[in-house]
Amino acid sequence: MMIKGYNEVYLDDVMEEVAVMFDYAVNNQHMDIDTFGNLFLDSPVCHGIEIGNPYYINKGGSELMMLVLESHHLEADYITYDTGFGKTPEYWMGWITAYVQWKSGFKFSTIFSAIAPSDILALYYPLHEADVKKGYDVLMERVKKAPTNLYKLRKKSEITQKQLAQYAEVKERTIRAYEQRETEINKAQVNIVRALSLVLGCSIEDLLE
């Protein structure tokens, strides 16, 4: 069973605030949604939400946007702290992404590497009136087709699955299962992920999805 970053009781609020965060960034600050998405990924706000840090999941969406910008030493234009701009396409993009992240347990970076914020935004008209589970299924289909972190790091190291298996003393079929997402590496035993990370010269966190 996937361990969620925070209890489901907080889910609706987090979805709302991530939605408002993207809404403010695009419609108030006039930022490109992919540019802001990258700033978000490279901010403490992103990881804070993923692990359910109370400091972040209890913040309002406009406050989260400000924290993202401040983490990059950027200043926001004047904003009005209201409830946002209505349920815009950008609002929906943040809303569905927060749900996918929570339900799947994947990192935001894994989701955005498979389908960029602008591409999620493009799904607004076919999906915004559908059940949230439909949106989840569509996005997860894209995520599951994307190369895993293990695959990308192995290729970067220019070694085969067989070589990695030998060096890390892990069964080759285990590595194949992780790379093909037949088995979730996020649920792997710590000693296995540590052995793989040592061979690939990366952190355990780098291998997780």
Protein backbone atom coordinates (compact mmCIF):
# COMPACT_ATOMS: atom_id res chain seq x y z
CA MET A 1 0.00 0.00 0.00
CA MET A 2 1.35 3.43 -0.98
CA ILE A 3 2.08 5.66 2.00
CA LYS A 4 0.56 9.08 1.38
CA GLY A 5 2.39 12.27 2.32
CA TYR A 6 -0.59 13.48 4.35
CA ASN A 7 -3.97 12.27 5.52
CA GLU A 8 -6.88 12.37 3.10
CA VAL A 9 -8.68 14.77 5.42
CA TYR A 10 -6.35 17.51 4.11
CA LEU A 11 -6.63 16.55 0.43
CA ASP A 12 -9.43 18.89 -0.65
CA ASP A 13 -7.70 21.87 0.97
CA VAL A 14 -4.33 21.04 -0.59
CA MET A 15 -5.90 20.57 -4.02
CA GLU A 16 -7.63 23.93 -3.65
CA GLU A 17 -4.49 25.78 -2.61
CA VAL A 18 -2.22 24.24 -5.26
CA ALA A 19 -4.92 25.18 -7.78
CA VAL A 20 -5.02 28.77 -6.54
CA MET A 21 -1.21 28.90 -6.52
CA PHE A 22 -0.99 28.15 -10.24
CA ASP A 23 -3.98 30.39 -10.91
CA TYR A 24 -2.31 33.36 -9.23
CA ALA A 25 1.04 32.71 -10.90
CA VAL A 26 -0.46 32.76 -14.39
CA ASN A 27 -3.42 35.10 -14.12
CA ASN A 28 -2.09 37.59 -11.58
CA GLN A 29 1.66 37.48 -12.09
CA HIS A 30 1.39 36.75 -15.84
CA MET A 31 3.95 33.97 -15.69
CA ASP A 32 4.26 31.15 -18.19
CA ILE A 33 2.79 28.06 -16.56
CA ASP A 34 5.78 25.84 -17.38
CA THR A 35 8.20 28.46 -16.09
CA PHE A 36 6.33 28.66 -12.81
CA GLY A 37 6.08 24.87 -12.71
CA ASN A 38 9.87 24.62 -12.83
CA LEU A 39 10.23 27.23 -10.10
CA PHE A 40 7.77 25.27 -7.99
CA LEU A 41 9.68 22.01 -8.48
CA ASP A 42 12.91 23.68 -7.41
CA SER A 43 11.43 25.19 -4.25
CA PRO A 44 10.90 23.92 -0.70
CA VAL A 45 7.16 24.34 -1.25
CA CYS A 46 7.09 21.37 -3.62
CA HIS A 47 8.73 18.87 -1.28
CA GLY A 48 6.88 20.35 1.67
CA ILE A 49 3.53 19.55 0.07
CA GLU A 50 4.66 16.09 -0.99
CA ILE A 51 5.54 15.08 2.56
CA GLY A 52 2.64 16.91 4.16
CA ASN A 53 4.68 19.52 6.02
CA PRO A 54 2.05 21.47 8.02
CA TYR A 55 3.86 24.74 7.34
CA TYR A 56 3.05 24.41 3.64
CA ILE A 57 -0.19 22.45 3.47
CA ASN A 58 -1.87 24.96 5.77
CA LYS A 59 -0.91 27.93 3.60
CA GLY A 60 -3.25 29.65 1.17
CA GLY A 61 -2.57 29.41 -2.55
CA SER A 62 -1.40 33.01 -2.94
CA GLU A 63 0.95 32.53 0.00
CA LEU A 64 2.37 29.38 -1.59
CA MET A 65 3.01 31.25 -4.82
CA MET A 66 4.82 33.99 -2.89
CA LEU A 67 6.97 31.40 -1.10
CA VAL A 68 7.91 29.79 -4.42
CA LEU A 69 8.99 33.13 -5.85
CA GLU A 70 10.83 34.16 -2.69
CA SER A 71 12.79 30.90 -2.71
CA HIS A 72 14.24 32.06 -6.05
CA HIS A 73 14.78 35.64 -4.85
CA LEU A 74 12.00 36.87 -7.13
CA GLU A 75 9.52 39.56 -6.21
CA ALA A 76 5.84 39.30 -6.98
CA ASP A 77 3.80 42.16 -8.33
CA TYR A 78 1.10 43.46 -6.02
CA ILE A 79 -1.59 40.86 -5.45
CA THR A 80 -4.95 40.97 -3.77
CA TYR A 81 -5.47 38.17 -1.26
CA ASP A 82 -8.88 37.08 -2.40
CA THR A 83 -10.14 33.63 -3.35
CA GLY A 84 -8.54 33.65 -6.77
CA PHE A 85 -9.93 34.12 -10.22
CA GLY A 86 -12.58 31.43 -10.30
CA LYS A 87 -12.08 27.96 -11.59
CA THR A 88 -9.93 28.82 -14.58
CA PRO A 89 -8.07 26.24 -16.70
CA GLU A 90 -4.93 27.03 -14.68
CA TYR A 91 -6.85 26.43 -11.46
CA TRP A 92 -7.97 23.03 -12.78
CA MET A 93 -4.42 22.17 -13.83
CA GLY A 94 -3.11 22.69 -10.28
CA TRP A 95 -6.14 20.97 -8.77
CA ILE A 96 -5.86 17.75 -10.78
CA THR A 97 -2.07 17.66 -10.44
CA ALA A 98 -2.30 17.85 -6.65
CA TYR A 99 -4.76 14.97 -6.67
CA VAL A 100 -2.56 12.83 -8.91
CA GLN A 101 0.48 13.51 -6.74
CA TRP A 102 -1.34 12.56 -3.55
CA LYS A 103 -3.08 9.47 -4.88
CA SER A 104 -0.10 8.05 -6.79
CA GLY A 105 2.58 9.01 -4.27
CA PHE A 106 4.79 10.12 -7.18
CA LYS A 107 6.77 13.31 -6.86
CA PHE A 108 5.60 16.40 -8.72
CA SER A 109 8.85 16.21 -10.70
CA THR A 110 7.93 12.73 -11.95
CA ILE A 111 4.52 13.95 -13.08
CA PHE A 112 5.85 17.08 -14.79
CA SER A 113 8.68 15.19 -16.51
CA ALA A 114 6.04 12.96 -18.10
CA ILE A 115 3.50 15.66 -18.88
CA ALA A 116 4.36 19.34 -18.58
CA PRO A 117 1.98 21.77 -16.89
CA SER A 118 1.09 23.27 -20.27
CA ASP A 119 0.20 19.82 -21.58
CA ILE A 120 -1.99 19.14 -18.54
CA LEU A 121 -3.59 22.52 -19.17
CA ALA A 122 -4.37 21.44 -22.73
CA LEU A 123 -6.51 18.61 -21.30
CA TYR A 124 -8.83 21.08 -19.59
CA TYR A 125 -11.63 21.04 -22.15
CA PRO A 126 -11.92 17.30 -22.53
CA LEU A 127 -11.50 16.60 -18.81
CA HIS A 128 -12.53 19.49 -16.56
CA GLU A 129 -16.13 18.33 -16.33
CA ALA A 130 -15.20 14.67 -15.90
CA ASP A 131 -14.84 12.87 -12.59
CA VAL A 132 -11.48 13.47 -10.91
CA LYS A 133 -10.71 9.76 -11.27
CA LYS A 134 -10.91 10.10 -15.06
CA GLY A 135 -8.36 12.88 -14.96
CA TYR A 136 -6.18 10.75 -12.71
CA ASP A 137 -6.31 7.82 -15.13
CA VAL A 138 -5.40 9.96 -18.13
CA LEU A 139 -2.44 11.60 -16.43
CA MET A 140 -1.20 8.36 -14.90
CA GLU A 141 -1.24 6.69 -18.31
CA ARG A 142 1.21 9.34 -19.47
CA VAL A 143 3.32 9.06 -16.33
CA LYS A 144 3.62 5.29 -16.63
CA LYS A 145 4.85 5.57 -20.22
CA ALA A 146 7.62 7.99 -19.28
CA PRO A 147 11.16 6.69 -18.57
CA THR A 148 11.79 6.02 -14.89
CA ASN A 149 14.53 7.77 -12.95
CA LEU A 150 16.32 4.43 -12.66
CA TYR A 151 16.29 3.98 -16.43
CA LYS A 152 17.57 7.52 -17.07
CA LEU A 153 20.34 7.25 -14.48
CA ARG A 154 21.40 3.83 -15.73
CA LYS A 155 21.58 5.12 -19.30
CA LYS A 156 23.56 8.14 -18.13
CA SER A 157 26.03 5.76 -16.48
CA GLU A 158 26.24 3.81 -19.75
CA ILE A 159 25.72 0.41 -18.18
CA THR A 160 23.29 -2.37 -19.02
CA GLN A 161 20.64 -3.84 -16.75
CA LYS A 162 22.79 -6.94 -16.44
CA GLN A 163 25.84 -4.95 -15.39
CA LEU A 164 23.85 -2.92 -12.87
CA ALA A 165 22.44 -6.11 -11.44
CA GLN A 166 25.93 -7.58 -11.04
CA TYR A 167 27.47 -4.46 -9.50
CA ALA A 168 24.57 -3.85 -7.10
CA GLU A 169 24.03 -7.55 -6.37
CA VAL A 170 20.37 -7.20 -7.30
CA LYS A 171 18.43 -9.57 -9.56
CA GLU A 172 18.27 -8.38 -13.15
CA ARG A 173 14.54 -9.08 -13.34
CA THR A 174 14.07 -6.76 -10.34
CA ILE A 175 15.76 -3.92 -12.18
CA ARG A 176 13.71 -4.65 -15.29
CA ALA A 177 10.51 -4.58 -13.24
CA TYR A 178 11.41 -1.19 -11.75
CA GLU A 179 12.29 0.29 -15.12
CA GLN A 180 9.09 -0.97 -16.75
CA ARG A 181 7.01 0.15 -13.73
CA GLU A 182 5.80 -3.40 -13.16
CA THR A 183 7.01 -2.88 -9.59
CA GLU A 184 7.19 0.52 -7.88
CA ILE A 185 10.69 1.43 -6.82
CA ASN A 186 9.15 3.71 -4.18
CA LYS A 187 8.09 0.54 -2.37
CA ALA A 188 11.45 -1.21 -2.70
CA GLN A 189 13.50 -2.31 0.28
CA VAL A 190 15.92 0.39 1.37
CA ASN A 191 18.96 -1.87 0.98
CA ILE A 192 18.11 -2.50 -2.69
CA VAL A 193 17.66 1.18 -3.55
CA ARG A 194 20.82 2.05 -1.61
CA ALA A 195 22.83 -0.55 -3.55
CA LEU A 196 21.54 0.82 -6.85
CA SER A 197 22.28 4.40 -5.85
CA LEU A 198 25.85 3.55 -4.87
CA VAL A 199 26.52 1.99 -8.26
CA LEU A 200 24.88 4.85 -10.17
CA GLY A 201 26.52 7.55 -8.05
CA CYS A 202 23.28 9.20 -7.03
CA SER A 203 21.15 9.59 -3.93
CA ILE A 204 18.32 7.27 -2.97
CA GLU A 205 15.96 10.22 -3.48
CA ASP A 206 17.12 10.53 -7.10
CA LEU A 207 15.84 7.04 -7.85
CA LEU A 208 12.41 7.48 -6.32
CA GLU A 209 9.45 8.43 -8.44
